[in-house]
Amino acid sequence: MENSRASLIDTSFNKLEKFNGEHFQIWKRKVTLNLQLVDIDHVLIEDEPTIPEGGTADAIAAALVKQSKWKRENNICKLLILNSMEDSLAESYSKKVKAKEI
């Protein structure tokens, strides 16, 4: 599955023209569709999962797995968004922690 996701990312994002500050809505729509294609667009909508206080060990372990997955997918999403921008724009957004902040 991870190889097929990497292949989709490589194929779809390499065809995008880099955002240079013009035609934002078109660029945004294309980036969003590509993120949907590789099933990581949820990090643009959902908040980072939290660890429940006072939960059972199983509930905490499950929450940690969800949180770890979300963080990894957020980082992938950030990388893809930043790589789809001209360097001058990407630099100004690179310090954002969450993909949805970009």
C-alpha atoms as a PDB file:
ATOM      1  CA  MET A   1       0.000   0.000   0.000  1.00  0.00           C
ATOM      2  CA  GLU A   2       2.784   2.429   0.913  1.00  0.00           C
ATOM      3  CA  ASN A   3       4.496   1.831  -2.442  1.00  0.00           C
ATOM      4  CA  SER A   4       1.281   2.494  -4.356  1.00  0.00           C
ATOM      5  CA  ARG A   5       0.743   5.705  -2.357  1.00  0.00           C
ATOM      6  CA  ALA A   6       4.296   6.807  -3.120  1.00  0.00           C
ATOM      7  CA  SER A   7       3.735   6.066  -6.793  1.00  0.00           C
ATOM      8  CA  LEU A   8       0.508   8.094  -6.822  1.00  0.00           C
ATOM      9  CA  ILE A   9       2.225  10.983  -5.059  1.00  0.00           C
ATOM     10  CA  ASP A  10       5.104  10.904  -7.506  1.00  0.00           C
ATOM     11  CA  THR A  11       2.838  10.771 -10.535  1.00  0.00           C
ATOM     12  CA  SER A  12       0.234  13.333  -9.503  1.00  0.00           C
ATOM     13  CA  PHE A  13       2.338  15.963  -7.734  1.00  0.00           C
ATOM     14  CA  ASN A  14       5.135  16.004 -10.307  1.00  0.00           C
ATOM     15  CA  LYS A  15       2.624  17.152 -12.923  1.00  0.00           C
ATOM     16  CA  LEU A  16       1.485  20.186 -10.924  1.00  0.00           C
ATOM     17  CA  GLU A  17       2.764  23.592 -11.890  1.00  0.00           C
ATOM     18  CA  LYS A  18       4.358  25.255  -8.889  1.00  0.00           C
ATOM     19  CA  PHE A  19       2.223  27.938  -7.269  1.00  0.00           C
ATOM     20  CA  ASN A  20       3.756  31.343  -7.871  1.00  0.00           C
ATOM     21  CA  GLY A  21       1.136  33.535  -6.216  1.00  0.00           C
ATOM     22  CA  GLU A  22      -1.275  33.628  -9.147  1.00  0.00           C
ATOM     23  CA  HIS A  23      -4.450  31.611  -9.720  1.00  0.00           C
ATOM     24  CA  PHE A  24      -4.651  30.475  -6.100  1.00  0.00           C
ATOM     25  CA  GLN A  25      -8.108  28.842  -6.336  1.00  0.00           C
ATOM     26  CA  ILE A  26      -7.061  26.635  -9.262  1.00  0.00           C
ATOM     27  CA  TRP A  27      -3.831  25.601  -7.522  1.00  0.00           C
ATOM     28  CA  LYS A  28      -5.659  24.928  -4.253  1.00  0.00           C
ATOM     29  CA  ARG A  29      -8.244  22.752  -5.979  1.00  0.00           C
ATOM     30  CA  LYS A  30      -5.541  20.718  -7.731  1.00  0.00           C
ATOM     31  CA  VAL A  31      -3.507  20.240  -4.547  1.00  0.00           C
ATOM     32  CA  THR A  32      -6.614  19.249  -2.579  1.00  0.00           C
ATOM     33  CA  LEU A  33      -7.631  16.698  -5.210  1.00  0.00           C
ATOM     34  CA  ASN A  34      -4.136  15.216  -5.207  1.00  0.00           C
ATOM     35  CA  LEU A  35      -4.159  14.964  -1.413  1.00  0.00           C
ATOM     36  CA  GLN A  36      -7.557  13.255  -1.611  1.00  0.00           C
ATOM     37  CA  LEU A  37      -6.165  10.839  -4.168  1.00  0.00           C
ATOM     38  CA  VAL A  38      -3.510   9.642  -1.719  1.00  0.00           C
ATOM     39  CA  ASP A  39      -5.982   9.739   1.198  1.00  0.00           C
ATOM     40  CA  ILE A  40      -4.206  12.250   3.439  1.00  0.00           C
ATOM     41  CA  ASP A  41      -6.462  15.264   2.942  1.00  0.00           C
ATOM     42  CA  HIS A  42      -8.135  14.611   6.301  1.00  0.00           C
ATOM     43  CA  VAL A  43      -5.279  16.416   8.084  1.00  0.00           C
ATOM     44  CA  LEU A  44      -6.507  19.621   6.443  1.00  0.00           C
ATOM     45  CA  ILE A  45      -9.853  19.215   8.194  1.00  0.00           C
ATOM     46  CA  GLU A  46      -9.308  17.188  11.354  1.00  0.00           C
ATOM     47  CA  ASP A  47      -7.423  18.299  14.429  1.00  0.00           C
ATOM     48  CA  GLU A  48      -4.580  16.200  15.767  1.00  0.00           C
ATOM     49  CA  PRO A  49      -5.998  13.339  17.850  1.00  0.00           C
ATOM     50  CA  THR A  50      -5.531  13.763  21.578  1.00  0.00           C
ATOM     51  CA  ILE A  51      -4.630  11.191  24.200  1.00  0.00           C
ATOM     52  CA  PRO A  52      -7.513  10.614  26.642  1.00  0.00           C
ATOM     53  CA  GLU A  53      -6.690  11.231  30.272  1.00  0.00           C
ATOM     54  CA  GLY A  54      -7.712   8.476  32.623  1.00  0.00           C
ATOM     55  CA  GLY A  55      -8.464   6.093  29.763  1.00  0.00           C
ATOM     56  CA  THR A  56      -7.696   2.417  29.725  1.00  0.00           C
ATOM     57  CA  ALA A  57      -4.318   1.235  28.525  1.00  0.00           C
ATOM     58  CA  ASP A  58      -5.951  -0.030  25.315  1.00  0.00           C
ATOM     59  CA  ALA A  59      -7.687   3.302  24.688  1.00  0.00           C
ATOM     60  CA  ILE A  60      -4.454   5.214  25.273  1.00  0.00           C
ATOM     61  CA  ALA A  61      -2.498   2.855  22.992  1.00  0.00           C
ATOM     62  CA  ALA A  62      -5.111   3.217  20.232  1.00  0.00           C
ATOM     63  CA  ALA A  63      -5.053   7.013  20.616  1.00  0.00           C
ATOM     64  CA  LEU A  64      -1.257   7.037  20.412  1.00  0.00           C
ATOM     65  CA  VAL A  65      -1.383   5.047  17.167  1.00  0.00           C
ATOM     66  CA  LYS A  66      -3.963   7.457  15.707  1.00  0.00           C
ATOM     67  CA  GLN A  67      -1.934  10.460  16.817  1.00  0.00           C
ATOM     68  CA  SER A  68       1.265   9.049  15.347  1.00  0.00           C
ATOM     69  CA  LYS A  69      -0.466   8.308  12.026  1.00  0.00           C
ATOM     70  CA  TRP A  70      -1.966  11.814  11.916  1.00  0.00           C
ATOM     71  CA  LYS A  71       1.423  13.433  12.608  1.00  0.00           C
ATOM     72  CA  ARG A  72       3.101  11.415   9.864  1.00  0.00           C
ATOM     73  CA  GLU A  73       0.371  12.214   7.352  1.00  0.00           C
ATOM     74  CA  ASN A  74       0.441  15.887   8.379  1.00  0.00           C
ATOM     75  CA  ASN A  75       4.171  15.987   7.642  1.00  0.00           C
ATOM     76  CA  ILE A  76       3.656  14.302   4.262  1.00  0.00           C
ATOM     77  CA  CYS A  77       0.865  16.738   3.477  1.00  0.00           C
ATOM     78  CA  LYS A  78       3.035  19.729   4.458  1.00  0.00           C
ATOM     79  CA  LEU A  79       5.891  18.466   2.317  1.00  0.00           C
ATOM     80  CA  LEU A  80       3.666  17.980  -0.714  1.00  0.00           C
ATOM     81  CA  ILE A  81       2.033  21.386  -0.355  1.00  0.00           C
ATOM     82  CA  LEU A  82       5.349  23.175   0.127  1.00  0.00           C
ATOM     83  CA  ASN A  83       6.912  21.293  -2.792  1.00  0.00           C
ATOM     84  CA  SER A  84       4.049  22.454  -5.007  1.00  0.00           C
ATOM     85  CA  MET A  85       5.008  26.112  -4.382  1.00  0.00           C
ATOM     86  CA  GLU A  86       7.755  28.271  -5.785  1.00  0.00           C
ATOM     87  CA  ASP A  87      10.686  28.352  -3.359  1.00  0.00           C
ATOM     88  CA  SER A  88      10.108  31.966  -2.322  1.00  0.00           C
ATOM     89  CA  LEU A  89       6.529  31.187  -1.239  1.00  0.00           C
ATOM     90  CA  ALA A  90       7.395  27.818   0.310  1.00  0.00           C
ATOM     91  CA  GLU A  91      10.028  29.467   2.493  1.00  0.00           C
ATOM     92  CA  SER A  92       7.501  31.844   4.022  1.00  0.00           C
ATOM     93  CA  TYR A  93       5.129  28.980   4.914  1.00  0.00           C
ATOM     94  CA  SER A  94       7.683  26.339   5.903  1.00  0.00           C
ATOM     95  CA  LYS A  95       7.594  27.159   9.618  1.00  0.00           C
ATOM     96  CA  LYS A  96       3.907  26.282   9.956  1.00  0.00           C
ATOM     97  CA  VAL A  97       3.361  23.210  12.131  1.00  0.00           C
ATOM     98  CA  LYS A  98       0.123  21.973  10.594  1.00  0.00           C
ATOM     99  CA  ALA A  99      -0.658  21.473   6.923  1.00  0.00           C
ATOM    100  CA  LYS A 100      -4.008  23.186   7.310  1.00  0.00           C
ATOM    101  CA  GLU A 101      -2.218  26.342   8.520  1.00  0.00           C
ATOM    102  CA  ILE A 102      -0.487  26.572   5.150  1.00  0.00           C
END
